[in-house]
Amino acid sequence: MGKKTIYIPPSQRKMARFQNINTLIEWGRKIQKIWNKIPEEIQKDLSWFEENKENFEELKIIDELITFVKKEFKKNGYSLKTSINIKQY
Protein backbone atom coordinates (compact mmCIF):
# COMPACT_ATOMS: atom_id res chain seq x y z
CA MET A 1 0.00 0.00 0.00
CA GLY A 2 1.32 3.38 -0.96
CA LYS A 3 0.82 6.81 0.52
CA LYS A 4 -1.94 7.56 -1.98
CA THR A 5 -4.05 4.52 -1.11
CA ILE A 6 -6.02 6.21 1.66
CA TYR A 7 -7.11 8.96 -0.75
CA ILE A 8 -8.37 6.68 -3.54
CA PRO A 9 -12.15 6.62 -3.95
CA PRO A 10 -13.90 3.34 -3.13
CA SER A 11 -14.41 0.99 -6.05
CA GLN A 12 -17.97 0.51 -7.22
CA ARG A 13 -19.54 -2.81 -8.12
CA LYS A 14 -20.28 -2.99 -11.83
CA MET A 15 -23.89 -4.10 -11.60
CA ALA A 16 -25.00 -1.98 -8.64
CA ARG A 17 -22.75 1.07 -8.79
CA PHE A 18 -25.66 3.53 -8.74
CA GLN A 19 -27.37 1.78 -5.84
CA ASN A 20 -24.23 2.11 -3.73
CA ILE A 21 -23.49 5.74 -4.48
CA ASN A 22 -23.58 6.66 -0.79
CA THR A 23 -20.13 5.07 -0.28
CA LEU A 24 -18.73 7.44 -2.90
CA ILE A 25 -20.53 10.38 -1.29
CA GLU A 26 -19.07 9.48 2.11
CA TRP A 27 -15.61 9.29 0.55
CA GLY A 28 -16.17 12.76 -0.94
CA ARG A 29 -17.22 14.16 2.44
CA LYS A 30 -14.08 12.73 4.03
CA ILE A 31 -11.84 14.18 1.32
CA GLN A 32 -13.49 17.60 1.62
CA LYS A 33 -12.89 17.67 5.36
CA ILE A 34 -9.18 16.84 5.04
CA TRP A 35 -8.45 18.57 1.71
CA ASN A 36 -6.06 21.15 3.22
CA LYS A 37 -4.13 18.39 4.98
CA ILE A 38 -3.64 16.27 1.85
CA PRO A 39 -0.12 16.56 0.40
CA GLU A 40 0.09 18.82 -2.66
CA GLU A 41 1.26 16.02 -4.96
CA ILE A 42 -1.84 13.98 -4.10
CA GLN A 43 -4.07 17.05 -4.48
CA LYS A 44 -2.79 17.28 -8.06
CA ASP A 45 -3.78 13.65 -8.62
CA LEU A 46 -7.21 14.45 -7.16
CA SER A 47 -7.64 17.66 -9.16
CA TRP A 48 -10.75 16.14 -10.77
CA PHE A 49 -12.33 16.06 -7.31
CA GLU A 50 -11.71 19.74 -6.71
CA GLU A 51 -13.18 20.52 -10.14
CA ASN A 52 -16.32 18.51 -9.32
CA LYS A 53 -16.81 19.54 -5.70
CA GLU A 54 -20.22 21.06 -6.48
CA ASN A 55 -21.39 17.74 -7.92
CA PHE A 56 -20.51 16.00 -4.68
CA GLU A 57 -22.48 18.64 -2.76
CA GLU A 58 -25.51 17.99 -4.96
CA LEU A 59 -25.14 14.23 -4.56
CA LYS A 60 -24.95 14.67 -0.78
CA ILE A 61 -28.23 16.62 -0.78
CA ILE A 62 -29.91 14.03 -3.02
CA ASP A 63 -28.67 11.19 -0.81
CA GLU A 64 -30.03 12.93 2.31
CA LEU A 65 -33.39 13.40 0.60
CA ILE A 66 -33.56 9.75 -0.48
CA THR A 67 -32.70 8.64 3.07
CA PHE A 68 -35.43 10.90 4.48
CA VAL A 69 -38.03 9.63 1.98
CA LYS A 70 -37.19 5.98 2.74
CA LYS A 71 -37.55 6.60 6.49
CA GLU A 72 -40.87 8.39 5.99
CA PHE A 73 -42.29 5.54 3.93
CA LYS A 74 -41.08 2.99 6.45
CA LYS A 75 -42.53 4.98 9.36
CA ASN A 76 -45.84 6.19 7.87
CA GLY A 77 -46.38 4.10 4.74
CA TYR A 78 -47.90 5.61 1.63
CA SER A 79 -50.18 8.25 3.10
CA LEU A 80 -51.14 11.90 3.01
CA LYS A 81 -48.95 12.49 6.07
CA THR A 82 -45.95 11.05 4.23
CA SER A 83 -46.61 13.28 1.24
CA ILE A 84 -46.89 16.39 3.44
CA ASN A 85 -43.70 15.56 5.37
CA ILE A 86 -41.74 14.99 2.14
CA LYS A 87 -42.96 18.27 0.62
CA GLN A 88 -41.97 20.13 3.80
CA TYR A 89 -38.49 18.63 3.71
PDB file of N, CA and C in Angstrom:
ATOM      1  N   MET A   1       0.839  -1.188   0.000  1.00  0.00           N
ATOM      2  CA  MET A   1       0.000   0.000   0.000  1.00  0.00           C
ATOM      3  C   MET A   1       0.879   1.245   0.000  1.00  0.00           C
ATOM      4  N   GLY A   2       0.554   2.153  -0.881  1.00  0.00           N
ATOM      5  CA  GLY A   2       1.319   3.380  -0.960  1.00  0.00           C
ATOM      6  C   GLY A   2       0.669   4.509  -0.175  1.00  0.00           C
ATOM      7  N   LYS A   3       1.324   5.638  -0.189  1.00  0.00           N
ATOM      8  CA  LYS A   3       0.820   6.808   0.523  1.00  0.00           C
ATOM      9  C   LYS A   3      -0.518   7.284  -0.036  1.00  0.00           C
ATOM     10  N   LYS A   4      -0.735   7.057  -1.315  1.00  0.00           N
ATOM     11  CA  LYS A   4      -1.939   7.555  -1.977  1.00  0.00           C
ATOM     12  C   LYS A   4      -3.168   6.684  -1.718  1.00  0.00           C
ATOM     13  N   THR A   5      -2.968   5.482  -1.250  1.00  0.00           N
ATOM     14  CA  THR A   5      -4.052   4.516  -1.110  1.00  0.00           C
ATOM     15  C   THR A   5      -5.214   5.039  -0.277  1.00  0.00           C
ATOM     16  N   ILE A   6      -4.939   5.744   0.792  1.00  0.00           N
ATOM     17  CA  ILE A   6      -6.023   6.213   1.664  1.00  0.00           C
ATOM     18  C   ILE A   6      -6.865   7.310   1.016  1.00  0.00           C
ATOM     19  N   TYR A   7      -6.386   7.890  -0.070  1.00  0.00           N
ATOM     20  CA  TYR A   7      -7.112   8.963  -0.747  1.00  0.00           C
ATOM     21  C   TYR A   7      -7.878   8.492  -1.982  1.00  0.00           C
ATOM     22  N   ILE A   8      -7.717   7.225  -2.345  1.00  0.00           N
ATOM     23  CA  ILE A   8      -8.365   6.684  -3.539  1.00  0.00           C
ATOM     24  C   ILE A   8      -9.849   6.454  -3.245  1.00  0.00           C
ATOM     25  N   PRO A   9     -10.715   6.852  -4.174  1.00  0.00           N
ATOM     26  CA  PRO A   9     -12.149   6.620  -3.948  1.00  0.00           C
ATOM     27  C   PRO A   9     -12.465   5.124  -3.911  1.00  0.00           C
ATOM     28  N   PRO A  10     -13.535   4.759  -3.204  1.00  0.00           N
ATOM     29  CA  PRO A  10     -13.896   3.342  -3.131  1.00  0.00           C
ATOM     30  C   PRO A  10     -14.314   2.820  -4.504  1.00  0.00           C
ATOM     31  N   SER A  11     -14.003   1.576  -4.776  1.00  0.00           N
ATOM     32  CA  SER A  11     -14.412   0.994  -6.053  1.00  0.00           C
ATOM     33  C   SER A  11     -15.898   0.651  -5.991  1.00  0.00           C
ATOM     34  N   GLN A  12     -16.539   0.782  -7.122  1.00  0.00           N
ATOM     35  CA  GLN A  12     -17.971   0.506  -7.217  1.00  0.00           C
ATOM     36  C   GLN A  12     -18.177  -0.843  -7.886  1.00  0.00           C
ATOM     37  N   ARG A  13     -19.196  -1.558  -7.464  1.00  0.00           N
ATOM     38  CA  ARG A  13     -19.544  -2.814  -8.118  1.00  0.00           C
ATOM     39  C   ARG A  13     -20.151  -2.480  -9.478  1.00  0.00           C
ATOM     40  N   LYS A  14     -19.803  -3.257 -10.465  1.00  0.00           N
ATOM     41  CA  LYS A  14     -20.276  -2.990 -11.825  1.00  0.00           C
ATOM     42  C   LYS A  14     -21.800  -2.956 -11.918  1.00  0.00           C
ATOM     43  N   MET A  15     -22.449  -3.966 -11.404  1.00  0.00           N
ATOM     44  CA  MET A  15     -23.885  -4.104 -11.596  1.00  0.00           C
ATOM     45  C   MET A  15     -24.707  -3.166 -10.710  1.00  0.00           C
ATOM     46  N   ALA A  16     -24.201  -2.773  -9.581  1.00  0.00           N
ATOM     47  CA  ALA A  16     -25.001  -1.982  -8.638  1.00  0.00           C
ATOM     48  C   ALA A  16     -24.337  -0.670  -8.266  1.00  0.00           C
ATOM     49  N   ARG A  17     -23.536  -0.113  -9.150  1.00  0.00           N
ATOM     50  CA  ARG A  17     -22.752   1.067  -8.786  1.00  0.00           C
ATOM     51  C   ARG A  17     -23.612   2.270  -8.438  1.00  0.00           C
ATOM     52  N   PHE A  18     -24.811   2.382  -9.034  1.00  0.00           N
ATOM     53  CA  PHE A  18     -25.664   3.526  -8.739  1.00  0.00           C
ATOM     54  C   PHE A  18     -26.490   3.312  -7.473  1.00  0.00           C
ATOM     55  N   GLN A  19     -26.666   2.067  -7.089  1.00  0.00           N
ATOM     56  CA  GLN A  19     -27.373   1.781  -5.845  1.00  0.00           C
ATOM     57  C   GLN A  19     -26.483   2.025  -4.633  1.00  0.00           C
ATOM     58  N   ASN A  20     -25.178   1.957  -4.834  1.00  0.00           N
ATOM     59  CA  ASN A  20     -24.233   2.107  -3.728  1.00  0.00           C
ATOM     60  C   ASN A  20     -23.490   3.432  -3.801  1.00  0.00           C
ATOM     61  N   ILE A  21     -24.155   4.449  -4.288  1.00  0.00           N
ATOM     62  CA  ILE A  21     -23.486   5.741  -4.484  1.00  0.00           C
ATOM     63  C   ILE A  21     -23.147   6.411  -3.151  1.00  0.00           C
ATOM     64  N   ASN A  22     -23.844   6.020  -2.090  1.00  0.00           N
ATOM     65  CA  ASN A  22     -23.584   6.660  -0.795  1.00  0.00           C
ATOM     66  C   ASN A  22     -22.153   6.410  -0.298  1.00  0.00           C
ATOM     67  N   THR A  23     -21.525   5.289  -0.691  1.00  0.00           N
ATOM     68  CA  THR A  23     -20.133   5.070  -0.284  1.00  0.00           C
ATOM     69  C   THR A  23     -19.209   6.085  -0.948  1.00  0.00           C
ATOM     70  N   LEU A  24     -19.519   6.428  -2.188  1.00  0.00           N
ATOM     71  CA  LEU A  24     -18.728   7.436  -2.899  1.00  0.00           C
ATOM     72  C   LEU A  24     -18.973   8.823  -2.305  1.00  0.00           C
ATOM     73  N   ILE A  25     -20.205   9.098  -1.920  1.00  0.00           N
ATOM     74  CA  ILE A  25     -20.534  10.384  -1.295  1.00  0.00           C
ATOM     75  C   ILE A  25     -19.801  10.522   0.036  1.00  0.00           C
ATOM     76  N   GLU A  26     -19.790   9.457   0.829  1.00  0.00           N
ATOM     77  CA  GLU A  26     -19.074   9.478   2.111  1.00  0.00           C
ATOM     78  C   GLU A  26     -17.581   9.710   1.895  1.00  0.00           C
ATOM     79  N   TRP A  27     -17.016   9.068   0.876  1.00  0.00           N
ATOM     80  CA  TRP A  27     -15.609   9.288   0.548  1.00  0.00           C
ATOM     81  C   TRP A  27     -15.391  10.765   0.212  1.00  0.00           C
ATOM     82  N   GLY A  28     -16.280  11.350  -0.575  1.00  0.00           N
ATOM     83  CA  GLY A  28     -16.168  12.763  -0.942  1.00  0.00           C
ATOM     84  C   GLY A  28     -16.231  13.681   0.272  1.00  0.00           C
ATOM     85  N   ARG A  29     -17.128  13.363   1.203  1.00  0.00           N
ATOM     86  CA  ARG A  29     -17.216  14.159   2.443  1.00  0.00           C
ATOM     87  C   ARG A  29     -15.898  14.111   3.212  1.00  0.00           C
ATOM     88  N   LYS A  30     -15.349  12.911   3.303  1.00  0.00           N
ATOM     89  CA  LYS A  30     -14.084  12.729   4.031  1.00  0.00           C
ATOM     90  C   LYS A  30     -12.964  13.538   3.369  1.00  0.00           C
ATOM     91  N   ILE A  31     -12.882  13.450   2.057  1.00  0.00           N
ATOM     92  CA  ILE A  31     -11.838  14.179   1.320  1.00  0.00           C
ATOM     93  C   ILE A  31     -12.016  15.686   1.486  1.00  0.00           C
ATOM     94  N   GLN A  32     -13.250  16.169   1.436  1.00  0.00           N
ATOM     95  CA  GLN A  32     -13.494  17.605   1.620  1.00  0.00           C
ATOM     96  C   GLN A  32     -13.016  18.083   2.989  1.00  0.00           C
ATOM     97  N   LYS A  33     -13.274  17.280   4.002  1.00  0.00           N
ATOM     98  CA  LYS A  33     -12.889  17.666   5.364  1.00  0.00           C
ATOM     99  C   LYS A  33     -11.370  17.761   5.530  1.00  0.00           C
ATOM    100  N   ILE A  34     -10.642  16.883   4.835  1.00  0.00           N
ATOM    101  CA  ILE A  34      -9.184  16.840   5.039  1.00  0.00           C
ATOM    102  C   ILE A  34      -8.406  17.434   3.861  1.00  0.00           C
ATOM    103  N   TRP A  35      -9.089  18.090   2.937  1.00  0.00           N
ATOM    104  CA  TRP A  35      -8.449  18.572   1.706  1.00  0.00           C
ATOM    105  C   TRP A  35      -7.176  19.379   1.983  1.00  0.00           C
ATOM    106  N   ASN A  36      -7.224  20.293   2.933  1.00  0.00           N
ATOM    107  CA  ASN A  36      -6.065  21.149   3.220  1.00  0.00           C
ATOM    108  C   ASN A  36      -4.901  20.388   3.855  1.00  0.00           C
ATOM    109  N   LYS A  37      -5.169  19.198   4.366  1.00  0.00           N
ATOM    110  CA  LYS A  37      -4.127  18.387   4.982  1.00  0.00           C
ATOM    111  C   LYS A  37      -3.513  17.377   4.007  1.00  0.00           C
ATOM    112  N   ILE A  38      -4.129  17.232   2.852  1.00  0.00           N
ATOM    113  CA  ILE A  38      -3.637  16.274   1.848  1.00  0.00           C
ATOM    114  C   ILE A  38      -2.386  16.858   1.186  1.00  0.00           C
ATOM    115  N   PRO A  39      -1.333  16.064   1.051  1.00  0.00           N
ATOM    116  CA  PRO A  39      -0.116  16.559   0.395  1.00  0.00           C
ATOM    117  C   PRO A  39      -0.403  17.099  -1.015  1.00  0.00           C
ATOM    118  N   GLU A  40       0.315  18.125  -1.385  1.00  0.00           N
ATOM    119  CA  GLU A  40       0.095  18.817  -2.660  1.00  0.00           C
ATOM    120  C   GLU A  40       0.174  17.876  -3.863  1.00  0.00           C
ATOM    121  N   GLU A  41       1.105  16.954  -3.832  1.00  0.00           N
ATOM    122  CA  GLU A  41       1.264  16.015  -4.961  1.00  0.00           C
ATOM    123  C   GLU A  41       0.003  15.167  -5.144  1.00  0.00           C
ATOM    124  N   ILE A  42      -0.619  14.783  -4.030  1.00  0.00           N
ATOM    125  CA  ILE A  42      -1.838  13.983  -4.102  1.00  0.00           C
ATOM    126  C   ILE A  42      -3.025  14.863  -4.494  1.00  0.00           C
ATOM    127  N   GLN A  43      -3.024  16.125  -4.047  1.00  0.00           N
ATOM    128  CA  GLN A  43      -4.075  17.051  -4.478  1.00  0.00           C
ATOM    129  C   GLN A  43      -4.069  17.199  -5.998  1.00  0.00           C
ATOM    130  N   LYS A  44      -2.884  17.197  -6.591  1.00  0.00           N
ATOM    131  CA  LYS A  44      -2.791  17.276  -8.056  1.00  0.00           C
ATOM    132  C   LYS A  44      -3.431  16.045  -8.693  1.00  0.00           C
ATOM    133  N   ASP A  45      -3.174  14.879  -8.102  1.00  0.00           N
ATOM    134  CA  ASP A  45      -3.782  13.648  -8.617  1.00  0.00           C
ATOM    135  C   ASP A  45      -5.303  13.663  -8.456  1.00  0.00           C
ATOM    136  N   LEU A  46      -5.778  14.359  -7.427  1.00  0.00           N
ATOM    137  CA  LEU A  46      -7.214  14.447  -7.161  1.00  0.00           C
ATOM    138  C   LEU A  46      -7.818  15.756  -7.693  1.00  0.00           C
ATOM    139  N   SER A  47      -7.153  16.373  -8.642  1.00  0.00           N
ATOM    140  CA  SER A  47      -7.642  17.661  -9.160  1.00  0.00           C
ATOM    141  C   SER A  47      -9.053  17.532  -9.731  1.00  0.00           C
ATOM    142  N   TRP A  48      -9.401  16.362 -10.253  1.00  0.00           N
ATOM    143  CA  TRP A  48     -10.754  16.139 -10.770  1.00  0.00           C
ATOM    144  C   TRP A  48     -11.790  16.291  -9.659  1.00  0.00           C
ATOM    145  N   PHE A  49     -11.396  15.925  -8.430  1.00  0.00           N
ATOM    146  CA  PHE A  49     -12.329  16.057  -7.307  1.00  0.00           C
ATOM    147  C   PHE A  49     -12.610  17.523  -7.018  1.00  0.00           C
ATOM    148  N   GLU A  50     -11.568  18.307  -6.978  1.00  0.00           N
ATOM    149  CA  GLU A  50     -11.714  19.745  -6.708  1.00  0.00           C
ATOM    150  C   GLU A  50     -12.586  20.401  -7.780  1.00  0.00           C
ATOM    151  N   GLU A  51     -12.407  19.968  -9.030  1.00  0.00           N
ATOM    152  CA  GLU A  51     -13.182  20.522 -10.141  1.00  0.00           C
ATOM    153  C   GLU A  51     -14.654  20.120 -10.071  1.00  0.00           C
ATOM    154  N   ASN A  52     -14.952  19.024  -9.403  1.00  0.00           N
ATOM    155  CA  ASN A  52     -16.322  18.507  -9.324  1.00  0.00           C
ATOM    156  C   ASN A  52     -16.911  18.577  -7.921  1.00  0.00           C
ATOM    157  N   LYS A  53     -16.361  19.432  -7.092  1.00  0.00           N
ATOM    158  CA  LYS A  53     -16.809  19.539  -5.702  1.00  0.00           C
ATOM    159  C   LYS A  53     -18.305  19.849  -5.601  1.00  0.00           C
ATOM    160  N   GLU A  54     -18.799  20.698  -6.501  1.00  0.00           N
ATOM    161  CA  GLU A  54     -20.222  21.060  -6.475  1.00  0.00           C
ATOM    162  C   GLU A  54     -21.099  19.840  -6.750  1.00  0.00           C
ATOM    163  N   ASN A  55     -20.628  18.958  -7.633  1.00  0.00           N
ATOM    164  CA  ASN A  55     -21.395  17.744  -7.924  1.00  0.00           C
ATOM    165  C   ASN A  55     -21.520  16.863  -6.690  1.00  0.00           C
ATOM    166  N   PHE A  56     -20.449  16.784  -5.901  1.00  0.00           N
ATOM    167  CA  PHE A  56     -20.505  16.001  -4.675  1.00  0.00           C
ATOM    168  C   PHE A  56     -21.474  16.627  -3.672  1.00  0.00           C
ATOM    169  N   GLU A  57     -21.528  17.958  -3.639  1.00  0.00           N
ATOM    170  CA  GLU A  57     -22.479  18.641  -2.758  1.00  0.00           C
ATOM    171  C   GLU A  57     -23.910  18.304  -3.168  1.00  0.00           C
ATOM    172  N   GLU A  58     -24.178  18.334  -4.465  1.00  0.00           N
ATOM    173  CA  GLU A  58     -25.513  17.986  -4.957  1.00  0.00           C
ATOM    174  C   GLU A  58     -25.859  16.543  -4.642  1.00  0.00           C
ATOM    175  N   LEU A  59     -24.909  15.639  -4.860  1.00  0.00           N
ATOM    176  CA  LEU A  59     -25.144  14.229  -4.556  1.00  0.00           C
ATOM    177  C   LEU A  59     -25.422  14.024  -3.072  1.00  0.00           C
ATOM    178  N   LYS A  60     -24.739  14.776  -2.225  1.00  0.00           N
ATOM    179  CA  LYS A  60     -24.951  14.674  -0.781  1.00  0.00           C
ATOM    180  C   LYS A  60     -26.385  15.074  -0.431  1.00  0.00           C
ATOM    181  N   ILE A  61     -26.865  16.151  -1.035  1.00  0.00           N
ATOM    182  CA  ILE A  61     -28.230  16.622  -0.783  1.00  0.00           C
ATOM    183  C   ILE A  61     -29.245  15.587  -1.275  1.00  0.00           C
ATOM    184  N   ILE A  62     -29.011  15.045  -2.463  1.00  0.00           N
ATOM    185  CA  ILE A  62     -29.910  14.034  -3.021  1.00  0.00           C
ATOM    186  C   ILE A  62     -29.926  12.791  -2.140  1.00  0.00           C
ATOM    187  N   ASP A  63     -28.760  12.361  -1.673  1.00  0.00           N
ATOM    188  CA  ASP A  63     -28.670  11.188  -0.808  1.00  0.00           C
ATOM    189  C   ASP A  63     -29.421  11.415   0.500  1.00  0.00           C
ATOM    190  N   GLU A  64     -29.303  12.608   1.072  1.00  0.00           N
ATOM    191  CA  GLU A  64     -30.026  12.927   2.307  1.00  0.00           C
ATOM    192  C   GLU A  64     -31.530  12.898   2.075  1.00  0.00           C
ATOM    193  N   LEU A  65     -31.969  13.411   0.924  1.00  0.00           N
ATOM    194  CA  LEU A  65     -33.393  13.401   0.596  1.00  0.00           C
ATOM    195  C   LEU A  65     -33.904  11.969   0.427  1.00  0.00           C
ATOM    196  N   ILE A  66     -33.152  11.153  -0.277  1.00  0.00           N
ATOM    197  CA  ILE A  66     -33.555   9.752  -0.476  1.00  0.00           C
ATOM    198  C   ILE A  66     -33.646   9.031   0.861  1.00  0.00           C
ATOM    199  N   THR A  67     -32.686   9.261   1.736  1.00  0.00           N
ATOM    200  CA  THR A  67     -32.695   8.641   3.070  1.00  0.00           C
ATOM    201  C   THR A  67     -33.930   9.089   3.851  1.00  0.00           C
ATOM    202  N   PHE A  68     -34.246  10.381   3.785  1.00  0.00           N
ATOM    203  CA  PHE A  68     -35.427  10.904   4.477  1.00  0.00           C
ATOM    204  C   PHE A  68     -36.703  10.266   3.935  1.00  0.00           C
ATOM    205  N   VAL A  69     -36.833  10.197   2.607  1.00  0.00           N
ATOM    206  CA  VAL A  69     -38.032   9.631   1.984  1.00  0.00           C
ATOM    207  C   VAL A  69     -38.195   8.161   2.373  1.00  0.00           C
ATOM    208  N   LYS A  70     -37.105   7.395   2.355  1.00  0.00           N
ATOM    209  CA  LYS A  70     -37.188   5.983   2.738  1.00  0.00           C
ATOM    210  C   LYS A  70     -37.664   5.832   4.185  1.00  0.00           C
ATOM    211  N   LYS A  71     -37.135   6.681   5.081  1.00  0.00           N
ATOM    212  CA  LYS A  71     -37.548   6.605   6.490  1.00  0.00           C
ATOM    213  C   LYS A  71     -39.019   6.967   6.655  1.00  0.00           C
ATOM    214  N   GLU A  72     -39.470   7.984   5.906  1.00  0.00           N
ATOM    215  CA  GLU A  72     -40.874   8.392   5.987  1.00  0.00           C
ATOM    216  C   GLU A  72     -41.802   7.274   5.522  1.00  0.00           C
ATOM    217  N   PHE A  73     -41.458   6.635   4.414  1.00  0.00           N
ATOM    218  CA  PHE A  73     -42.292   5.540   3.926  1.00  0.00           C
ATOM    219  C   PHE A  73     -42.288   4.370   4.892  1.00  0.00           C
ATOM    220  N   LYS A  74     -41.156   4.098   5.498  1.00  0.00           N
ATOM    221  CA  LYS A  74     -41.078   2.992   6.452  1.00  0.00           C
ATOM    222  C   LYS A  74     -41.908   3.303   7.709  1.00  0.00           C
ATOM    223  N   LYS A  75     -41.851   4.554   8.130  1.00  0.00           N
ATOM    224  CA  LYS A  75     -42.532   4.979   9.363  1.00  0.00           C
ATOM    225  C   LYS A  75     -44.031   5.151   9.155  1.00  0.00           C
ATOM    226  N   ASN A  76     -44.437   5.827   8.064  1.00  0.00           N
ATOM    227  CA  ASN A  76     -45.839   6.191   7.872  1.00  0.00           C
ATOM    228  C   ASN A  76     -46.530   5.500   6.700  1.00  0.00           C
ATOM    229  N   GLY A  77     -45.779   4.721   5.920  1.00  0.00           N
ATOM    230  CA  GLY A  77     -46.376   4.102   4.743  1.00  0.00           C
ATOM    231  C   GLY A  77     -46.728   5.146   3.691  1.00  0.00           C
ATOM    232  N   TYR A  78     -47.473   4.707   2.700  1.00  0.00           N
ATOM    233  CA  TYR A  78     -47.899   5.611   1.633  1.00  0.00           C
ATOM    234  C   TYR A  78     -49.166   6.304   2.101  1.00  0.00           C
ATOM    235  N   SER A  79     -49.025   7.548   2.536  1.00  0.00           N
ATOM    236  CA  SER A  79     -50.178   8.253   3.101  1.00  0.00           C
ATOM    237  C   SER A  79     -50.069   9.750   2.828  1.00  0.00           C
ATOM    238  N   LEU A  80     -51.118  10.441   3.156  1.00  0.00           N
ATOM    239  CA  LEU A  80     -51.138  11.899   3.011  1.00  0.00           C
ATOM    240  C   LEU A  80     -50.094  12.530   3.931  1.00  0.00           C
ATOM    241  N   LYS A  81     -49.945  11.979   5.123  1.00  0.00           N
ATOM    242  CA  LYS A  81     -48.954  12.491   6.073  1.00  0.00           C
ATOM    243  C   LYS A  81     -47.539  12.380   5.498  1.00  0.00           C
ATOM    244  N   THR A  82     -47.260  11.247   4.854  1.00  0.00           N
ATOM    245  CA  THR A  82     -45.945  11.053   4.228  1.00  0.00           C
ATOM    246  C   THR A  82     -45.712  12.099   3.151  1.00  0.00           C
ATOM    247  N   SER A  83     -46.719  12.298   2.322  1.00  0.00           N
ATOM    248  CA  SER A  83     -46.607  13.280   1.237  1.00  0.00           C
ATOM    249  C   SER A  83     -46.347  14.685   1.778  1.00  0.00           C
ATOM    250  N   ILE A  84     -47.057  15.056   2.828  1.00  0.00           N
ATOM    251  CA  ILE A  84     -46.887  16.391   3.436  1.00  0.00           C
ATOM    252  C   ILE A  84     -45.471  16.538   4.018  1.00  0.00           C
ATOM    253  N   ASN A  85     -45.030  15.517   4.746  1.00  0.00           N
ATOM    254  CA  ASN A  85     -43.702  15.562   5.365  1.00  0.00           C
ATOM    255  C   ASN A  85     -42.600  15.681   4.309  1.00  0.00           C
ATOM    256  N   ILE A  86     -42.748  14.944   3.199  1.00  0.00           N
ATOM    257  CA  ILE A  86     -41.737  14.991   2.142  1.00  0.00           C
ATOM    258  C   ILE A  86     -41.718  16.364   1.486  1.00  0.00           C
ATOM    259  N   LYS A  87     -42.892  16.934   1.244  1.00  0.00           N
ATOM    260  CA  LYS A  87     -42.964  18.275   0.620  1.00  0.00           C
ATOM    261  C   LYS A  87     -42.365  19.338   1.534  1.00  0.00           C
ATOM    262  N   GLN A  88     -42.516  19.160   2.841  1.00  0.00           N
ATOM    263  CA  GLN A  88     -41.973  20.134   3.798  1.00  0.00           C
ATOM    264  C   GLN A  88     -40.455  20.010   3.932  1.00  0.00           C
ATOM    265  N   TYR A  89     -39.928  18.856   3.605  1.00  0.00           N
ATOM    266  CA  TYR A  89     -38.493  18.634   3.707  1.00  0.00           C
ATOM    267  C   TYR A  89     -37.798  19.517   2.694  1.00  0.00           C
TER     268      TYR A  89
END
